[in-house]
Structure formats: C-alpha cells, structure tokens
C-alpha cells in the first residue's frame, strides 16, 4: 500500500492515528522524511497485512 499526503501535517496526523506505539510512529515519521528528501513528495509505503518494521541497532 502506498499512501500519499499533500502536506507534512497531513502525514503526521495519519501516522498518529495509524501507529500502534511510539516506536512505530518514529519509523513511519522517518520514512516520510526520507521520502520527501529524496523525491520531494510526502508518501509512505506499507506492505499489505504486514506489521510496521521497527528500528534495530546492530552496533558493536
């Protein structure tokens, strides 16, 4: 599923209602920021019936 937004505020409102917890909110917010930086548009891509990925630190 690819969801497009007209503004960053619209995207943040949608994410706030969609995310199950703070970690998911952060992951989706970062995806919006990344997509805007590299494409100039606000959008999010989610796989159908798949949970939102979480950030994993694989440092030393």
C-alpha atoms as a PDB file:
ATOM      1  CA  UNK A   1       0.000   0.000   0.000  1.00  0.00           C
ATOM      2  CA  UNK A   2       1.342   3.405  -0.940  1.00  0.00           C
ATOM      3  CA  UNK A   3      -0.262   6.359   0.843  1.00  0.00           C
ATOM      4  CA  UNK A   4       0.330   9.896  -0.454  1.00  0.00           C
ATOM      5  CA  UNK A   5      -0.124  13.118   1.535  1.00  0.00           C
ATOM      6  CA  UNK A   6      -0.426  16.735   0.434  1.00  0.00           C
ATOM      7  CA  UNK A   7       1.420  18.169   3.454  1.00  0.00           C
ATOM      8  CA  UNK A   8       3.693  17.020   6.247  1.00  0.00           C
ATOM      9  CA  UNK A   9       0.972  17.866   8.786  1.00  0.00           C
ATOM     10  CA  UNK A  10      -1.497  15.617   6.981  1.00  0.00           C
ATOM     11  CA  UNK A  11       1.095  12.822   7.038  1.00  0.00           C
ATOM     12  CA  UNK A  12       1.802  13.262  10.756  1.00  0.00           C
ATOM     13  CA  UNK A  13      -1.918  13.214  11.581  1.00  0.00           C
ATOM     14  CA  UNK A  14      -2.366   9.983   9.638  1.00  0.00           C
ATOM     15  CA  UNK A  15       0.689   8.384  11.249  1.00  0.00           C
ATOM     16  CA  UNK A  16      -0.508   9.376  14.736  1.00  0.00           C
ATOM     17  CA  UNK A  17      -3.774   7.543  14.123  1.00  0.00           C
ATOM     18  CA  UNK A  18      -2.183   4.525  12.423  1.00  0.00           C
ATOM     19  CA  UNK A  19       0.839   3.784  14.620  1.00  0.00           C
ATOM     20  CA  UNK A  20       0.327   1.343  17.466  1.00  0.00           C
ATOM     21  CA  UNK A  21       3.104   2.764  19.627  1.00  0.00           C
ATOM     22  CA  UNK A  22       5.851   5.382  19.751  1.00  0.00           C
ATOM     23  CA  UNK A  23       8.425   3.165  18.027  1.00  0.00           C
ATOM     24  CA  UNK A  24       6.162   2.635  15.015  1.00  0.00           C
ATOM     25  CA  UNK A  25       5.382   6.349  14.921  1.00  0.00           C
ATOM     26  CA  UNK A  26       9.117   7.128  14.746  1.00  0.00           C
ATOM     27  CA  UNK A  27       9.743   4.590  11.963  1.00  0.00           C
ATOM     28  CA  UNK A  28       6.898   5.983   9.857  1.00  0.00           C
ATOM     29  CA  UNK A  29       7.931   9.588  10.542  1.00  0.00           C
ATOM     30  CA  UNK A  30      11.458   8.819   9.373  1.00  0.00           C
ATOM     31  CA  UNK A  31      10.103   7.149   6.229  1.00  0.00           C
ATOM     32  CA  UNK A  32       8.061  10.290   5.442  1.00  0.00           C
ATOM     33  CA  UNK A  33      11.147  12.480   5.984  1.00  0.00           C
ATOM     34  CA  UNK A  34      13.379  10.230   3.871  1.00  0.00           C
ATOM     35  CA  UNK A  35      10.841  10.046   1.022  1.00  0.00           C
ATOM     36  CA  UNK A  36      10.397  13.818   0.999  1.00  0.00           C
ATOM     37  CA  UNK A  37      14.148  14.498   0.985  1.00  0.00           C
ATOM     38  CA  UNK A  38      14.764  12.175  -1.970  1.00  0.00           C
ATOM     39  CA  UNK A  39      11.567  12.604  -4.006  1.00  0.00           C
ATOM     40  CA  UNK A  40      10.040  15.921  -2.935  1.00  0.00           C
ATOM     41  CA  UNK A  41       6.713  14.249  -2.105  1.00  0.00           C
ATOM     42  CA  UNK A  42       5.160  13.019   1.121  1.00  0.00           C
ATOM     43  CA  UNK A  43       4.319   9.330   0.942  1.00  0.00           C
ATOM     44  CA  UNK A  44       4.623   6.115   2.860  1.00  0.00           C
ATOM     45  CA  UNK A  45       4.891   2.542   1.609  1.00  0.00           C
ATOM     46  CA  UNK A  46       3.491  -0.292   3.682  1.00  0.00           C
ATOM     47  CA  UNK A  47       3.089  -3.940   2.754  1.00  0.00           C
ATOM     48  CA  UNK A  48      -0.463  -5.259   2.907  1.00  0.00           C
ATOM     49  CA  UNK A  49      -1.199  -7.240   6.103  1.00  0.00           C
ATOM     50  CA  UNK A  50       2.333  -6.770   7.391  1.00  0.00           C
ATOM     51  CA  UNK A  51       3.359  -5.178  10.646  1.00  0.00           C
ATOM     52  CA  UNK A  52       5.323  -1.930  10.651  1.00  0.00           C
ATOM     53  CA  UNK A  53       9.073  -2.591  10.875  1.00  0.00           C
ATOM     54  CA  UNK A  54      10.929  -1.393  13.919  1.00  0.00           C
ATOM     55  CA  UNK A  55      14.405   0.086  14.203  1.00  0.00           C
ATOM     56  CA  UNK A  56      17.101  -2.405  15.164  1.00  0.00           C
ATOM     57  CA  UNK A  57      20.593  -1.397  16.310  1.00  0.00           C
ATOM     58  CA  UNK A  58      23.289  -3.824  15.214  1.00  0.00           C
ATOM     59  CA  UNK A  59      26.255  -1.929  16.629  1.00  0.00           C
ATOM     60  CA  UNK A  60      29.203  -3.373  18.494  1.00  0.00           C
END
